[in-house]
Amino acid sequence: MTTRSAGGVSRREFCKTAAWSATGALALPAVHVLAKTESANPIVGVDGHQYQVDHHWAHLPDKYHWQTTHNVAVDSDGLVYVIHEGRYDLKDHPAIFVFDPEGKFVRAFGEQFQGGGHGIEARPTTAGDELYVCAYKEQRSFAKLQADGKEIWRKGAPMESGFYHEGEDKFPRPQGDSPWGQDRFLPTNTAFYPDGSFYIADGYGGWRIHHYDAEGDYVDSFGKPGGKEKLDGTFNTPHGLWIDSRGDEPTLVVADRANARLQWFTLDGRHLRTQDGFLLPANIDTFGELMLVPDLVGRVTLLDGNNKVIAHLGDNSPQMKADTRRTIRSDESRWQPGKFVHPHDACFDADGNIYVAEWVATGRVTKLMRMS
């Protein structure tokens, strides 16, 4: 693990296949790792940071079915929101499911995001929790919802930024129009600033970060697509982002997924530092001094207040790196208790428990119950 600040401290250059290779992987400290894989509910983690795994925590009614799960969020009441991509041709099927902390189904909504459901975050306000949803592919938009699913507004690409192809502010995408390209709008996740403004990561399209005010009006953008040299402030799939309030001043941290790194910025977009050594970091969350990084290559990483690795929870990265054709994600017979397949998002609840949504064909949301 190496870090480079804006002051120019050197860091080791990754090889072309760093995102899937063991070279450059974040090193674990020499601690006792618990992994009772013989149990249906194994315990993972290290001394002082132990979690009991429940892969079958959520109970979905028979009238609904899981599709490819993408993201998970927890509101101020402890309710858990799960968004999946959904199928565009199943327009009456909800893309968002809500559960209580015990995994009991509460409600479902979000049919308008079918075929592109991706990111979801819950934001507490004096009027109640609000949800921010990002949708890609055919749905190319982001939206603000009430906690009961009622849509407040929904928006497409910020055309005033000058980065997007004509029509990217309209949704759904017309049939036959390719969704892919850096002039396309494919938002992936949201981060909230306390003044009411927020940031949107265009992780699959323009590879930029967009800033919006509290009313959802465009403010500005920063970052740009980068090349093989991996210059600081450039991106290759800026998939997730979060406000890091653990230091003296809040910063914005971005999961620069295909570059296998995290990048920190000031809130106006000035690059501060880069930390590499991840595999495919997908998003970020914090709880006290802890930082949580779900990694698409079969693990969830815990970092301390100095961004040093505490543990790789459910580490299955050797098997997932060997699965170059990604066949395991659709073959449950090869899933092992206490091991992750493709963690696409993860978040803490108010008690420090962790929920993990995985990018698997049949959907899976795991609860990691905090033990110590």
Protein backbone atom coordinates (compact mmCIF):
# COMPACT_ATOMS: atom_id res chain seq x y z
CA MET A 1 0.00 0.00 0.00
CA THR A 2 1.43 3.36 -0.98
CA THR A 3 0.07 6.84 -0.81
CA ARG A 4 0.98 9.95 -2.77
CA SER A 5 -0.07 13.40 -1.67
CA ALA A 6 -0.48 16.46 -3.86
CA GLY A 7 3.04 17.36 -2.75
CA GLY A 8 4.47 14.67 -5.04
CA VAL A 9 5.64 11.87 -2.75
CA SER A 10 6.36 8.92 -5.05
CA ARG A 11 4.36 5.76 -5.14
CA ARG A 12 4.91 2.43 -6.85
CA GLU A 13 3.63 2.14 -10.41
CA PHE A 14 1.09 -0.64 -11.00
CA CYS A 15 1.46 -3.11 -13.82
CA LYS A 16 -1.25 -3.26 -16.46
CA THR A 17 -3.09 -6.07 -14.73
CA ALA A 18 -2.85 -4.66 -11.21
CA ALA A 19 -6.60 -4.57 -10.76
CA TRP A 20 -6.78 -8.37 -10.91
CA SER A 21 -3.31 -9.38 -9.76
CA ALA A 22 -1.97 -9.98 -6.30
CA THR A 23 0.86 -7.54 -7.00
CA GLY A 24 0.19 -4.27 -5.23
CA ALA A 25 -2.65 -5.63 -3.14
CA LEU A 26 -3.22 -3.90 0.19
CA ALA A 27 -1.21 -5.81 2.76
CA LEU A 28 -2.78 -7.17 5.91
CA PRO A 29 -1.17 -6.54 9.28
CA ALA A 30 0.12 -9.56 11.19
CA VAL A 31 -3.01 -10.28 13.21
CA HIS A 32 -5.14 -13.29 13.98
CA VAL A 33 -7.82 -13.64 11.29
CA LEU A 34 -11.04 -15.41 12.22
CA ALA A 35 -12.91 -17.31 9.53
CA LYS A 36 -15.07 -20.18 10.77
CA THR A 37 -15.95 -21.39 7.31
CA GLU A 38 -17.37 -24.66 8.57
CA SER A 39 -20.29 -22.74 10.08
CA ALA A 40 -23.41 -21.60 8.24
CA ASN A 41 -22.86 -18.22 9.90
CA PRO A 42 -19.08 -17.90 10.08
CA ILE A 43 -17.26 -15.11 11.86
CA VAL A 44 -14.86 -13.00 9.80
CA GLY A 45 -12.48 -10.21 10.69
CA VAL A 46 -9.69 -9.70 13.19
CA ASP A 47 -9.47 -9.21 16.94
CA GLY A 48 -11.48 -6.11 17.80
CA HIS A 49 -13.26 -6.10 14.44
CA GLN A 50 -15.24 -9.33 14.19
CA TYR A 51 -18.48 -9.86 12.29
CA GLN A 52 -20.88 -12.79 12.02
CA VAL A 53 -21.91 -13.47 8.45
CA ASP A 54 -25.54 -13.97 7.37
CA HIS A 55 -25.74 -14.44 3.61
CA HIS A 56 -29.49 -15.15 3.79
CA TRP A 57 -30.52 -12.22 5.94
CA ALA A 58 -33.14 -10.67 3.62
CA HIS A 59 -36.48 -12.42 3.03
CA LEU A 60 -38.20 -11.45 -0.21
CA PRO A 61 -41.91 -12.21 -0.84
CA ASP A 62 -42.61 -14.86 -3.46
CA LYS A 63 -44.24 -12.34 -5.82
CA TYR A 64 -40.86 -10.62 -6.27
CA HIS A 65 -37.51 -12.02 -7.31
CA TRP A 66 -33.93 -10.87 -7.02
CA GLN A 67 -32.15 -9.65 -10.08
CA THR A 68 -28.57 -8.35 -10.20
CA THR A 69 -28.15 -6.52 -6.88
CA HIS A 70 -26.06 -3.37 -7.01
CA ASN A 71 -26.27 -1.09 -3.97
CA VAL A 72 -27.53 -0.88 -0.40
CA ALA A 73 -28.33 2.01 1.97
CA VAL A 74 -29.58 2.40 5.55
CA ASP A 75 -31.88 5.23 6.68
CA SER A 76 -32.12 6.93 10.09
CA ASP A 77 -34.74 4.39 11.24
CA GLY A 78 -32.46 1.47 10.42
CA LEU A 79 -34.42 0.40 7.34
CA VAL A 80 -32.30 -1.14 4.61
CA TYR A 81 -32.82 -0.20 0.94
CA VAL A 82 -31.54 -2.52 -1.78
CA ILE A 83 -31.49 -1.55 -5.46
CA HIS A 84 -30.97 -4.00 -8.28
CA GLU A 85 -30.51 -3.41 -11.97
CA GLY A 86 -33.72 -5.09 -13.00
CA ARG A 87 -34.85 -5.96 -16.50
CA TYR A 88 -36.05 -3.25 -18.83
CA ASP A 89 -38.79 -5.53 -20.17
CA LEU A 90 -40.22 -6.12 -16.66
CA LYS A 91 -41.54 -2.60 -16.21
CA ASP A 92 -43.98 -3.46 -13.40
CA HIS A 93 -41.37 -5.13 -11.19
CA PRO A 94 -39.83 -2.93 -8.46
CA ALA A 95 -36.13 -2.09 -8.62
CA ILE A 96 -35.92 -1.16 -4.91
CA PHE A 97 -36.71 -3.39 -1.92
CA VAL A 98 -36.88 -2.24 1.71
CA PHE A 99 -36.22 -4.45 4.75
CA ASP A 100 -36.11 -3.97 8.51
CA PRO A 101 -32.85 -4.72 10.37
CA GLU A 102 -33.91 -8.36 10.86
CA GLY A 103 -34.40 -8.87 7.12
CA LYS A 104 -38.21 -8.71 7.12
CA PHE A 105 -39.65 -7.24 3.93
CA VAL A 106 -41.26 -3.80 4.39
CA ARG A 107 -42.11 -2.40 0.94
CA ALA A 108 -40.99 -2.15 -2.68
CA PHE A 109 -41.01 0.59 -5.33
CA GLY A 110 -38.85 2.08 -8.08
CA GLU A 111 -40.33 0.49 -11.19
CA GLN A 112 -39.11 3.50 -13.19
CA PHE A 113 -35.50 2.35 -12.71
CA GLN A 114 -35.95 -1.15 -14.13
CA GLY A 115 -33.18 -1.96 -16.58
CA GLY A 116 -30.73 0.48 -15.03
CA GLY A 117 -31.04 0.58 -11.24
CA HIS A 118 -27.59 1.15 -9.77
CA GLY A 119 -26.83 3.47 -6.84
CA ILE A 120 -28.92 4.34 -3.77
CA GLU A 121 -28.15 6.49 -0.72
CA ALA A 122 -30.35 7.67 2.18
CA ARG A 123 -30.06 11.23 3.47
CA PRO A 124 -31.70 12.31 6.76
CA THR A 125 -33.47 15.68 6.75
CA THR A 126 -35.72 17.53 9.19
CA ALA A 127 -38.67 16.47 7.02
CA GLY A 128 -37.65 12.80 7.01
CA ASP A 129 -35.24 10.65 5.08
CA GLU A 130 -34.76 11.19 1.36
CA LEU A 131 -33.33 8.74 -1.15
CA TYR A 132 -30.99 9.55 -4.02
CA VAL A 133 -30.95 7.01 -6.83
CA CYS A 134 -28.56 6.66 -9.77
CA ALA A 135 -29.62 4.72 -12.86
CA TYR A 136 -27.57 3.84 -15.93
CA LYS A 137 -28.01 2.07 -19.29
CA GLU A 138 -31.55 2.74 -20.60
CA GLN A 139 -32.50 4.81 -17.55
CA ARG A 140 -29.49 7.26 -17.63
CA SER A 141 -30.64 9.54 -14.80
CA PHE A 142 -30.50 10.37 -11.10
CA ALA A 143 -33.45 11.06 -8.85
CA LYS A 144 -34.52 12.24 -5.42
CA LEU A 145 -37.29 10.25 -3.70
CA GLN A 146 -39.13 10.24 -0.42
CA ALA A 147 -38.47 7.22 1.77
CA ASP A 148 -41.84 5.77 0.72
CA GLY A 149 -40.73 5.85 -2.93
CA LYS A 150 -42.57 8.97 -4.09
CA GLU A 151 -40.44 10.74 -6.68
CA ILE A 152 -39.54 14.37 -5.92
CA TRP A 153 -37.53 14.98 -9.08
CA ARG A 154 -35.53 13.11 -11.67
CA LYS A 155 -32.81 14.51 -13.93
CA GLY A 156 -30.64 13.49 -16.84
CA ALA A 157 -27.16 14.55 -17.90
CA PRO A 158 -25.94 18.09 -17.07
CA MET A 159 -25.84 19.32 -20.66
CA GLU A 160 -24.49 22.72 -19.54
CA SER A 161 -21.25 20.95 -18.61
CA GLY A 162 -20.49 20.52 -22.31
CA PHE A 163 -19.40 16.91 -21.90
CA TYR A 164 -22.39 14.98 -23.26
CA HIS A 165 -23.92 13.86 -26.51
CA GLU A 166 -27.17 15.48 -27.56
CA GLY A 167 -30.15 13.84 -25.87
CA GLU A 168 -28.31 12.46 -22.82
CA ASP A 169 -30.57 14.57 -20.62
CA LYS A 170 -33.61 12.57 -21.76
CA PHE A 171 -34.76 9.22 -20.38
CA PRO A 172 -35.36 6.43 -21.01
CA ARG A 173 -32.76 5.96 -23.70
CA PRO A 174 -34.27 5.28 -27.16
CA GLN A 175 -34.06 1.69 -28.34
CA GLY A 176 -31.02 1.09 -30.51
CA ASP A 177 -29.06 3.98 -28.99
CA SER A 178 -25.82 2.59 -27.55
CA PRO A 179 -25.47 3.52 -23.87
CA TRP A 180 -21.67 3.26 -23.83
CA GLY A 181 -19.06 5.94 -24.43
CA GLN A 182 -17.46 8.86 -22.64
CA ASP A 183 -20.01 11.28 -24.08
CA ARG A 184 -22.79 9.22 -22.44
CA PHE A 185 -24.32 9.81 -19.01
CA LEU A 186 -24.17 6.70 -16.83
CA PRO A 187 -24.25 7.85 -13.18
CA THR A 188 -23.33 5.32 -10.53
CA ASN A 189 -23.33 6.81 -7.01
CA THR A 190 -23.99 9.86 -4.81
CA ALA A 191 -22.21 11.59 -1.91
CA PHE A 192 -23.76 14.23 0.38
CA TYR A 193 -22.25 17.44 1.72
CA PRO A 194 -23.77 18.87 4.94
CA ASP A 195 -24.81 22.14 3.27
CA GLY A 196 -27.40 20.20 1.27
CA SER A 197 -25.41 19.96 -1.94
CA PHE A 198 -24.30 16.63 -3.36
CA TYR A 199 -21.95 14.96 -5.82
CA ILE A 200 -22.74 12.47 -8.58
CA ALA A 201 -20.13 10.09 -9.97
CA ASP A 202 -20.52 9.42 -13.69
CA GLY A 203 -18.69 6.16 -13.27
CA TYR A 204 -19.61 4.33 -16.46
CA GLY A 205 -19.95 7.20 -18.93
CA GLY A 206 -17.98 10.45 -18.82
CA TRP A 207 -15.71 9.43 -15.90
CA ARG A 208 -16.24 12.74 -14.11
CA ILE A 209 -17.60 14.01 -10.79
CA HIS A 210 -20.52 16.47 -10.95
CA HIS A 211 -21.46 18.84 -8.12
CA TYR A 212 -25.10 19.92 -7.60
CA ASP A 213 -26.64 22.37 -5.16
CA ALA A 214 -29.32 21.49 -2.61
CA GLU A 215 -32.07 22.01 -5.19
CA GLY A 216 -30.47 19.60 -7.64
CA ASP A 217 -29.16 22.31 -9.98
CA TYR A 218 -25.79 21.78 -11.64
CA VAL A 219 -22.83 23.68 -10.14
CA ASP A 220 -19.66 22.34 -11.76
CA SER A 221 -17.58 19.25 -12.54
CA PHE A 222 -14.06 18.01 -11.93
CA GLY A 223 -11.81 15.17 -13.00
CA LYS A 224 -11.55 13.67 -16.46
CA PRO A 225 -10.86 10.36 -18.20
CA GLY A 226 -7.27 9.23 -17.77
CA GLY A 227 -4.88 7.01 -19.65
CA LYS A 228 -2.35 4.33 -18.80
CA GLU A 229 -0.18 6.79 -16.90
CA LYS A 230 -2.87 7.11 -14.20
CA LEU A 231 -2.29 10.78 -13.47
CA ASP A 232 -3.70 12.10 -10.21
CA GLY A 233 -7.09 13.72 -10.73
CA THR A 234 -7.93 11.53 -13.72
CA PHE A 235 -10.25 8.54 -13.60
CA ASN A 236 -10.95 5.15 -15.09
CA THR A 237 -14.42 4.22 -13.81
CA PRO A 238 -14.93 6.56 -10.80
CA HIS A 239 -17.58 4.20 -9.50
CA GLY A 240 -18.18 5.32 -5.91
CA LEU A 241 -17.59 8.35 -3.71
CA TRP A 242 -18.16 9.58 -0.18
CA ILE A 243 -17.51 12.55 2.10
CA ASP A 244 -14.62 11.65 4.41
CA SER A 245 -15.15 13.61 7.64
CA ARG A 246 -12.50 11.81 9.69
CA GLY A 247 -9.87 14.54 9.30
CA ASP A 248 -9.71 18.20 10.29
CA GLU A 249 -11.56 19.20 7.12
CA PRO A 250 -14.09 17.16 5.13
CA THR A 251 -12.82 15.78 1.84
CA LEU A 252 -14.36 13.87 -1.05
CA VAL A 253 -12.92 10.39 -1.60
CA VAL A 254 -13.51 8.65 -4.94
CA ALA A 255 -13.24 4.93 -5.68
CA ASP A 256 -11.35 5.03 -8.98
CA ARG A 257 -12.23 1.43 -9.67
CA ALA A 258 -10.40 0.34 -12.82
CA ASN A 259 -7.31 2.24 -11.64
CA ALA A 260 -7.37 0.15 -8.43
CA ARG A 261 -7.12 3.16 -6.14
CA LEU A 262 -8.83 5.77 -3.99
CA GLN A 263 -8.35 9.48 -4.62
CA TRP A 264 -9.06 12.29 -2.14
CA PHE A 265 -10.12 15.78 -3.22
CA THR A 266 -11.08 19.05 -1.61
CA LEU A 267 -14.79 19.75 -1.91
CA ASP A 268 -14.11 22.05 -4.86
CA GLY A 269 -12.24 19.30 -6.71
CA ARG A 270 -8.56 19.94 -5.99
CA HIS A 271 -6.61 16.69 -5.77
CA LEU A 272 -5.07 15.98 -2.35
CA ARG A 273 -3.70 12.45 -2.36
CA THR A 274 -3.95 9.00 -3.92
CA GLN A 275 -3.87 5.59 -2.27
CA ASP A 276 -3.37 2.56 -4.47
CA GLY A 277 -3.09 -1.16 -3.78
CA PHE A 278 -6.78 -2.06 -4.10
CA LEU A 279 -8.18 -4.52 -6.64
CA LEU A 280 -11.45 -3.07 -7.99
CA PRO A 281 -12.70 -0.70 -5.26
CA ALA A 282 -16.38 -0.03 -5.85
CA ASN A 283 -17.56 2.40 -3.16
CA ILE A 284 -16.82 3.85 0.28
CA ASP A 285 -18.52 4.34 3.65
CA THR A 286 -17.30 5.46 7.07
CA PHE A 287 -18.21 4.70 10.69
CA GLY A 288 -16.27 6.67 13.27
CA GLU A 289 -12.62 6.24 12.32
CA LEU A 290 -13.31 3.18 10.15
CA MET A 291 -13.49 3.28 6.38
CA LEU A 292 -15.23 0.51 4.44
CA VAL A 293 -14.30 -0.31 0.82
CA PRO A 294 -16.23 -3.06 -0.99
CA ASP A 295 -13.98 -4.55 -3.65
CA LEU A 296 -15.50 -6.25 -6.67
CA VAL A 297 -12.79 -8.92 -6.59
CA GLY A 298 -14.24 -10.88 -3.68
CA ARG A 299 -13.54 -8.93 -0.50
CA VAL A 300 -14.57 -6.00 1.71
CA THR A 301 -11.68 -3.97 3.11
CA LEU A 302 -11.68 -2.20 6.49
CA LEU A 303 -9.26 0.71 6.96
CA ASP A 304 -8.39 2.58 10.15
CA GLY A 305 -8.26 6.36 10.69
CA ASN A 306 -4.84 6.48 9.02
CA ASN A 307 -6.13 4.44 6.05
CA LYS A 308 -4.11 1.39 7.05
CA VAL A 309 -5.67 -2.00 6.41
CA ILE A 310 -7.36 -3.63 9.40
CA ALA A 311 -8.83 -6.61 7.55
CA HIS A 312 -10.09 -7.94 4.24
CA LEU A 313 -13.47 -9.33 5.27
CA GLY A 314 -14.69 -12.47 3.49
CA ASP A 315 -11.58 -12.45 1.32
CA ASN A 316 -12.15 -14.63 -1.72
CA SER A 317 -9.90 -12.67 -4.06
CA PRO A 318 -7.61 -15.56 -5.16
CA GLN A 319 -10.57 -17.56 -6.45
CA MET A 320 -12.22 -14.52 -8.03
CA LYS A 321 -9.04 -13.42 -9.80
CA ALA A 322 -8.72 -16.95 -11.22
CA ASP A 323 -12.32 -16.78 -12.48
CA THR A 324 -11.42 -14.73 -15.56
CA ARG A 325 -14.70 -15.56 -17.31
CA ARG A 326 -16.75 -14.54 -14.26
CA THR A 327 -18.69 -17.79 -14.14
CA ILE A 328 -18.87 -18.01 -10.35
CA ARG A 329 -21.31 -15.10 -10.10
CA SER A 330 -24.03 -17.23 -11.73
CA ASP A 331 -23.15 -20.57 -10.06
CA GLU A 332 -24.27 -20.61 -6.42
CA SER A 333 -22.86 -24.11 -5.94
CA ARG A 334 -19.40 -22.52 -5.93
CA TRP A 335 -20.22 -19.87 -3.32
CA GLN A 336 -18.59 -20.54 0.05
CA PRO A 337 -19.93 -19.49 3.47
CA GLY A 338 -18.11 -16.43 4.75
CA LYS A 339 -16.61 -15.67 1.33
CA PHE A 340 -17.70 -12.93 -1.05
CA VAL A 341 -18.12 -13.19 -4.80
CA HIS A 342 -18.43 -9.65 -6.18
CA PRO A 343 -19.07 -6.98 -3.49
CA HIS A 344 -20.46 -4.04 -5.44
CA ASP A 345 -21.48 -1.87 -2.49
CA ALA A 346 -21.41 -1.96 1.31
CA CYS A 347 -22.49 0.34 4.12
CA PHE A 348 -22.62 0.59 7.90
CA ASP A 349 -25.73 0.98 10.01
CA ALA A 350 -25.86 3.07 13.20
CA ASP A 351 -24.60 0.13 15.29
CA GLY A 352 -21.61 -0.62 13.10
CA ASN A 353 -23.13 -3.65 11.38
CA ILE A 354 -22.31 -3.93 7.69
CA TYR A 355 -24.58 -4.70 4.72
CA VAL A 356 -22.98 -5.94 1.50
CA ALA A 357 -24.69 -5.99 -1.92
CA GLU A 358 -23.05 -8.24 -4.50
CA TRP A 359 -23.02 -8.05 -8.28
CA VAL A 360 -24.32 -11.58 -8.84
CA ALA A 361 -26.97 -12.78 -11.27
CA THR A 362 -29.41 -14.02 -8.63
CA GLY A 363 -28.79 -11.13 -6.24
CA ARG A 364 -27.33 -11.35 -2.75
CA VAL A 365 -27.28 -9.03 0.26
CA THR A 366 -25.22 -10.16 3.24
CA LYS A 367 -25.43 -8.79 6.77
CA LEU A 368 -22.23 -8.71 8.82
CA MET A 369 -23.32 -8.50 12.45
CA ARG A 370 -20.80 -6.62 14.56
CA MET A 371 -19.42 -8.87 17.30
CA SER A 372 -16.57 -6.71 18.65
